[in-house]
Amino acid sequence: MIHLTLGRIELDWGKNGGFQNHSTLFRPGDLTNIPYFYAADENDTESAALFPLKSKA
């Protein structure tokens, strides 16, 4: 599964090769490992591209 989200809003998703590649939105330094919850007792980590958006408030 792959998800492109903005906060809690899911903008796009895909599965098993049927997805739009949005990797050009991210820089190499945006890659990190995040918790991945596979099933009730199955937790792991997966690679993810994260880019925090900052408010100018």
PDB file of N, CA and C in Angstrom:
ATOM      1  N   MET A   1       0.841  -1.179   0.000  1.00  0.00           N
ATOM      2  CA  MET A   1       0.000   0.000   0.000  1.00  0.00           C
ATOM      3  C   MET A   1       0.884   1.240   0.000  1.00  0.00           C
ATOM      4  N   ILE A   2       0.427   2.254  -0.697  1.00  0.00           N
ATOM      5  CA  ILE A   2       1.109   3.535  -0.728  1.00  0.00           C
ATOM      6  C   ILE A   2       0.054   4.627  -0.574  1.00  0.00           C
ATOM      7  N   HIS A   3       0.383   5.631   0.226  1.00  0.00           N
ATOM      8  CA  HIS A   3      -0.566   6.711   0.504  1.00  0.00           C
ATOM      9  C   HIS A   3       0.130   8.055   0.333  1.00  0.00           C
ATOM     10  N   LEU A   4      -0.565   9.013  -0.259  1.00  0.00           N
ATOM     11  CA  LEU A   4      -0.119  10.399  -0.282  1.00  0.00           C
ATOM     12  C   LEU A   4      -1.145  11.164   0.540  1.00  0.00           C
ATOM     13  N   THR A   5      -0.707  11.678   1.686  1.00  0.00           N
ATOM     14  CA  THR A   5      -1.637  12.343   2.594  1.00  0.00           C
ATOM     15  C   THR A   5      -1.158  13.749   2.917  1.00  0.00           C
ATOM     16  N   LEU A   6      -2.091  14.557   3.300  1.00  0.00           N
ATOM     17  CA  LEU A   6      -1.838  15.901   3.811  1.00  0.00           C
ATOM     18  C   LEU A   6      -2.550  15.961   5.146  1.00  0.00           C
ATOM     19  N   GLY A   7      -1.759  15.744   6.214  1.00  0.00           N
ATOM     20  CA  GLY A   7      -2.377  15.604   7.528  1.00  0.00           C
ATOM     21  C   GLY A   7      -3.233  14.341   7.544  1.00  0.00           C
ATOM     22  N   ARG A   8      -4.488  14.488   7.892  1.00  0.00           N
ATOM     23  CA  ARG A   8      -5.400  13.349   7.913  1.00  0.00           C
ATOM     24  C   ARG A   8      -6.170  13.178   6.599  1.00  0.00           C
ATOM     25  N   ILE A   9      -5.889  14.021   5.631  1.00  0.00           N
ATOM     26  CA  ILE A   9      -6.579  13.959   4.341  1.00  0.00           C
ATOM     27  C   ILE A   9      -5.781  13.085   3.376  1.00  0.00           C
ATOM     28  N   GLU A  10      -6.395  12.026   2.883  1.00  0.00           N
ATOM     29  CA  GLU A  10      -5.747  11.153   1.923  1.00  0.00           C
ATOM     30  C   GLU A  10      -5.979  11.699   0.513  1.00  0.00           C
ATOM     31  N   LEU A  11      -4.882  12.091  -0.154  1.00  0.00           N
ATOM     32  CA  LEU A  11      -4.974  12.670  -1.488  1.00  0.00           C
ATOM     33  C   LEU A  11      -4.957  11.609  -2.585  1.00  0.00           C
ATOM     34  N   ASP A  12      -4.203  10.527  -2.363  1.00  0.00           N
ATOM     35  CA  ASP A  12      -4.081   9.467  -3.348  1.00  0.00           C
ATOM     36  C   ASP A  12      -3.601   8.208  -2.633  1.00  0.00           C
ATOM     37  N   TRP A  13      -3.891   7.059  -3.215  1.00  0.00           N
ATOM     38  CA  TRP A  13      -3.414   5.803  -2.655  1.00  0.00           C
ATOM     39  C   TRP A  13      -3.305   4.783  -3.772  1.00  0.00           C
ATOM     40  N   GLY A  14      -2.581   3.717  -3.519  1.00  0.00           N
ATOM     41  CA  GLY A  14      -2.441   2.655  -4.498  1.00  0.00           C
ATOM     42  C   GLY A  14      -1.950   1.387  -3.838  1.00  0.00           C
ATOM     43  N   LYS A  15      -1.952   0.312  -4.619  1.00  0.00           N
ATOM     44  CA  LYS A  15      -1.586  -0.989  -4.070  1.00  0.00           C
ATOM     45  C   LYS A  15      -1.031  -1.876  -5.189  1.00  0.00           C
ATOM     46  N   ASN A  16      -0.021  -2.672  -4.869  1.00  0.00           N
ATOM     47  CA  ASN A  16       0.520  -3.689  -5.778  1.00  0.00           C
ATOM     48  C   ASN A  16       0.893  -3.144  -7.151  1.00  0.00           C
ATOM     49  N   GLY A  17       1.586  -2.049  -7.207  1.00  0.00           N
ATOM     50  CA  GLY A  17       2.023  -1.487  -8.477  1.00  0.00           C
ATOM     51  C   GLY A  17       0.979  -0.648  -9.190  1.00  0.00           C
ATOM     52  N   GLY A  18      -0.261  -0.626  -8.720  1.00  0.00           N
ATOM     53  CA  GLY A  18      -1.312   0.189  -9.320  1.00  0.00           C
ATOM     54  C   GLY A  18      -1.421   1.518  -8.607  1.00  0.00           C
ATOM     55  N   PHE A  19      -0.411   2.376  -8.771  1.00  0.00           N
ATOM     56  CA  PHE A  19      -0.421   3.669  -8.084  1.00  0.00           C
ATOM     57  C   PHE A  19       0.325   4.705  -8.902  1.00  0.00           C
ATOM     58  N   GLN A  20       0.029   5.955  -8.659  1.00  0.00           N
ATOM     59  CA  GLN A  20       0.736   7.083  -9.273  1.00  0.00           C
ATOM     60  C   GLN A  20       2.002   7.345  -8.455  1.00  0.00           C
ATOM     61  N   ASN A  21       3.143   7.442  -9.099  1.00  0.00           N
ATOM     62  CA  ASN A  21       4.407   7.679  -8.410  1.00  0.00           C
ATOM     63  C   ASN A  21       4.552   9.177  -8.109  1.00  0.00           C
ATOM     64  N   HIS A  22       4.493   9.538  -6.839  1.00  0.00           N
ATOM     65  CA  HIS A  22       4.626  10.930  -6.405  1.00  0.00           C
ATOM     66  C   HIS A  22       5.999  11.217  -5.809  1.00  0.00           C
ATOM     67  N   SER A  23       6.966  10.348  -6.052  1.00  0.00           N
ATOM     68  CA  SER A  23       8.275  10.493  -5.415  1.00  0.00           C
ATOM     69  C   SER A  23       8.991  11.782  -5.809  1.00  0.00           C
ATOM     70  N   THR A  24       8.644  12.387  -6.950  1.00  0.00           N
ATOM     71  CA  THR A  24       9.310  13.628  -7.360  1.00  0.00           C
ATOM     72  C   THR A  24       8.939  14.806  -6.460  1.00  0.00           C
ATOM     73  N   LEU A  25       7.934  14.640  -5.616  1.00  0.00           N
ATOM     74  CA  LEU A  25       7.560  15.690  -4.667  1.00  0.00           C
ATOM     75  C   LEU A  25       8.518  15.773  -3.479  1.00  0.00           C
ATOM     76  N   PHE A  26       9.362  14.749  -3.313  1.00  0.00           N
ATOM     77  CA  PHE A  26      10.205  14.635  -2.124  1.00  0.00           C
ATOM     78  C   PHE A  26      11.680  14.663  -2.495  1.00  0.00           C
ATOM     79  N   ARG A  27      12.494  15.104  -1.531  1.00  0.00           N
ATOM     80  CA  ARG A  27      13.952  15.116  -1.678  1.00  0.00           C
ATOM     81  C   ARG A  27      14.526  13.886  -0.993  1.00  0.00           C
ATOM     82  N   PRO A  28      15.768  13.482  -1.321  1.00  0.00           N
ATOM     83  CA  PRO A  28      16.369  12.306  -0.678  1.00  0.00           C
ATOM     84  C   PRO A  28      16.403  12.415   0.854  1.00  0.00           C
ATOM     85  N   GLY A  29      16.573  13.617   1.393  1.00  0.00           N
ATOM     86  CA  GLY A  29      16.603  13.804   2.842  1.00  0.00           C
ATOM     87  C   GLY A  29      15.251  13.646   3.516  1.00  0.00           C
ATOM     88  N   ASP A  30      14.183  13.513   2.744  1.00  0.00           N
ATOM     89  CA  ASP A  30      12.837  13.353   3.299  1.00  0.00           C
ATOM     90  C   ASP A  30      12.524  11.905   3.661  1.00  0.00           C
ATOM     91  N   LEU A  31      13.437  10.963   3.339  1.00  0.00           N
ATOM     92  CA  LEU A  31      13.198   9.545   3.643  1.00  0.00           C
ATOM     93  C   LEU A  31      13.495   9.244   5.106  1.00  0.00           C
ATOM     94  N   THR A  32      12.621   8.484   5.731  1.00  0.00           N
ATOM     95  CA  THR A  32      12.775   8.076   7.130  1.00  0.00           C
ATOM     96  C   THR A  32      12.023   6.766   7.335  1.00  0.00           C
ATOM     97  N   ASN A  33      12.216   6.144   8.464  1.00  0.00           N
ATOM     98  CA  ASN A  33      11.458   4.943   8.828  1.00  0.00           C
ATOM     99  C   ASN A  33      10.327   5.336   9.762  1.00  0.00           C
ATOM    100  N   ILE A  34       9.152   4.765   9.524  1.00  0.00           N
ATOM    101  CA  ILE A  34       7.988   5.046  10.360  1.00  0.00           C
ATOM    102  C   ILE A  34       7.391   3.728  10.836  1.00  0.00           C
ATOM    103  N   PRO A  35       6.651   3.753  11.957  1.00  0.00           N
ATOM    104  CA  PRO A  35       5.983   2.531  12.415  1.00  0.00           C
ATOM    105  C   PRO A  35       4.942   2.076  11.388  1.00  0.00           C
ATOM    106  N   TYR A  36       4.872   0.789  11.182  1.00  0.00           N
ATOM    107  CA  TYR A  36       3.917   0.188  10.252  1.00  0.00           C
ATOM    108  C   TYR A  36       3.157  -0.889  11.010  1.00  0.00           C
ATOM    109  N   PHE A  37       1.854  -0.746  11.110  1.00  0.00           N
ATOM    110  CA  PHE A  37       1.026  -1.679  11.862  1.00  0.00           C
ATOM    111  C   PHE A  37       0.374  -2.647  10.884  1.00  0.00           C
ATOM    112  N   TYR A  38       0.941  -3.835  10.783  1.00  0.00           N
ATOM    113  CA  TYR A  38       0.508  -4.828   9.813  1.00  0.00           C
ATOM    114  C   TYR A  38      -0.761  -5.544  10.251  1.00  0.00           C
ATOM    115  N   ALA A  39      -0.813  -5.931  11.508  1.00  0.00           N
ATOM    116  CA  ALA A  39      -1.968  -6.636  12.055  1.00  0.00           C
ATOM    117  C   ALA A  39      -1.975  -6.391  13.567  1.00  0.00           C
ATOM    118  N   ALA A  40      -2.937  -6.971  14.254  1.00  0.00           N
ATOM    119  CA  ALA A  40      -3.115  -6.723  15.691  1.00  0.00           C
ATOM    120  C   ALA A  40      -1.814  -6.853  16.474  1.00  0.00           C
ATOM    121  N   ASP A  41      -1.065  -7.913  16.258  1.00  0.00           N
ATOM    122  CA  ASP A  41       0.171  -8.130  17.007  1.00  0.00           C
ATOM    123  C   ASP A  41       1.407  -8.068  16.120  1.00  0.00           C
ATOM    124  N   GLU A  42       1.277  -7.517  14.935  1.00  0.00           N
ATOM    125  CA  GLU A  42       2.375  -7.462  13.976  1.00  0.00           C
ATOM    126  C   GLU A  42       2.751  -6.010  13.701  1.00  0.00           C
ATOM    127  N   ASN A  43       3.805  -5.542  14.341  1.00  0.00           N
ATOM    128  CA  ASN A  43       4.292  -4.176  14.131  1.00  0.00           C
ATOM    129  C   ASN A  43       5.673  -4.234  13.502  1.00  0.00           C
ATOM    130  N   ASP A  44       5.965  -3.299  12.633  1.00  0.00           N
ATOM    131  CA  ASP A  44       7.241  -3.255  11.936  1.00  0.00           C
ATOM    132  C   ASP A  44       7.535  -1.796  11.601  1.00  0.00           C
ATOM    133  N   THR A  45       8.621  -1.543  10.889  1.00  0.00           N
ATOM    134  CA  THR A  45       8.891  -0.202  10.370  1.00  0.00           C
ATOM    135  C   THR A  45       9.022  -0.292   8.858  1.00  0.00           C
ATOM    136  N   GLU A  46       8.650   0.774   8.188  1.00  0.00           N
ATOM    137  CA  GLU A  46       8.731   0.866   6.735  1.00  0.00           C
ATOM    138  C   GLU A  46       9.362   2.202   6.361  1.00  0.00           C
ATOM    139  N   SER A  47       9.975   2.248   5.201  1.00  0.00           N
ATOM    140  CA  SER A  47      10.540   3.487   4.693  1.00  0.00           C
ATOM    141  C   SER A  47       9.418   4.386   4.198  1.00  0.00           C
ATOM    142  N   ALA A  48       9.525   5.676   4.489  1.00  0.00           N
ATOM    143  CA  ALA A  48       8.501   6.633   4.066  1.00  0.00           C
ATOM    144  C   ALA A  48       9.162   7.967   3.761  1.00  0.00           C
ATOM    145  N   ALA A  49       8.574   8.705   2.846  1.00  0.00           N
ATOM    146  CA  ALA A  49       9.026  10.061   2.538  1.00  0.00           C
ATOM    147  C   ALA A  49       8.103  11.024   3.266  1.00  0.00           C
ATOM    148  N   LEU A  50       8.664  11.816   4.163  1.00  0.00           N
ATOM    149  CA  LEU A  50       7.890  12.775   4.944  1.00  0.00           C
ATOM    150  C   LEU A  50       8.436  14.168   4.725  1.00  0.00           C
ATOM    151  N   PHE A  51       7.557  15.113   4.507  1.00  0.00           N
ATOM    152  CA  PHE A  51       7.958  16.501   4.355  1.00  0.00           C
ATOM    153  C   PHE A  51       6.991  17.352   5.172  1.00  0.00           C
ATOM    154  N   PRO A  52       7.452  17.893   6.297  1.00  0.00           N
ATOM    155  CA  PRO A  52       6.542  18.687   7.134  1.00  0.00           C
ATOM    156  C   PRO A  52       6.229  20.047   6.498  1.00  0.00           C
ATOM    157  N   LEU A  53       4.974  20.417   6.512  1.00  0.00           N
ATOM    158  CA  LEU A  53       4.556  21.731   6.046  1.00  0.00           C
ATOM    159  C   LEU A  53       4.469  22.651   7.252  1.00  0.00           C
ATOM    160  N   LYS A  54       5.029  23.834   7.141  1.00  0.00           N
ATOM    161  CA  LYS A  54       5.033  24.777   8.264  1.00  0.00           C
ATOM    162  C   LYS A  54       4.095  25.936   7.987  1.00  0.00           C
ATOM    163  N   SER A  55       3.404  26.350   9.010  1.00  0.00           N
ATOM    164  CA  SER A  55       2.495  27.484   8.916  1.00  0.00           C
ATOM    165  C   SER A  55       3.271  28.781   9.107  1.00  0.00           C
ATOM    166  N   LYS A  56       2.866  29.837   8.420  1.00  0.00           N
ATOM    167  CA  LYS A  56       3.501  31.146   8.590  1.00  0.00           C
ATOM    168  C   LYS A  56       2.652  32.027   9.512  1.00  0.00           C
ATOM    169  N   ALA A  57       2.032  31.411  10.495  1.00  0.00           N
ATOM    170  CA  ALA A  57       1.158  32.133  11.432  1.00  0.00           C
ATOM    171  C   ALA A  57       1.956  32.940  12.420  1.00  0.00           C
TER     172      ALA A  57
END
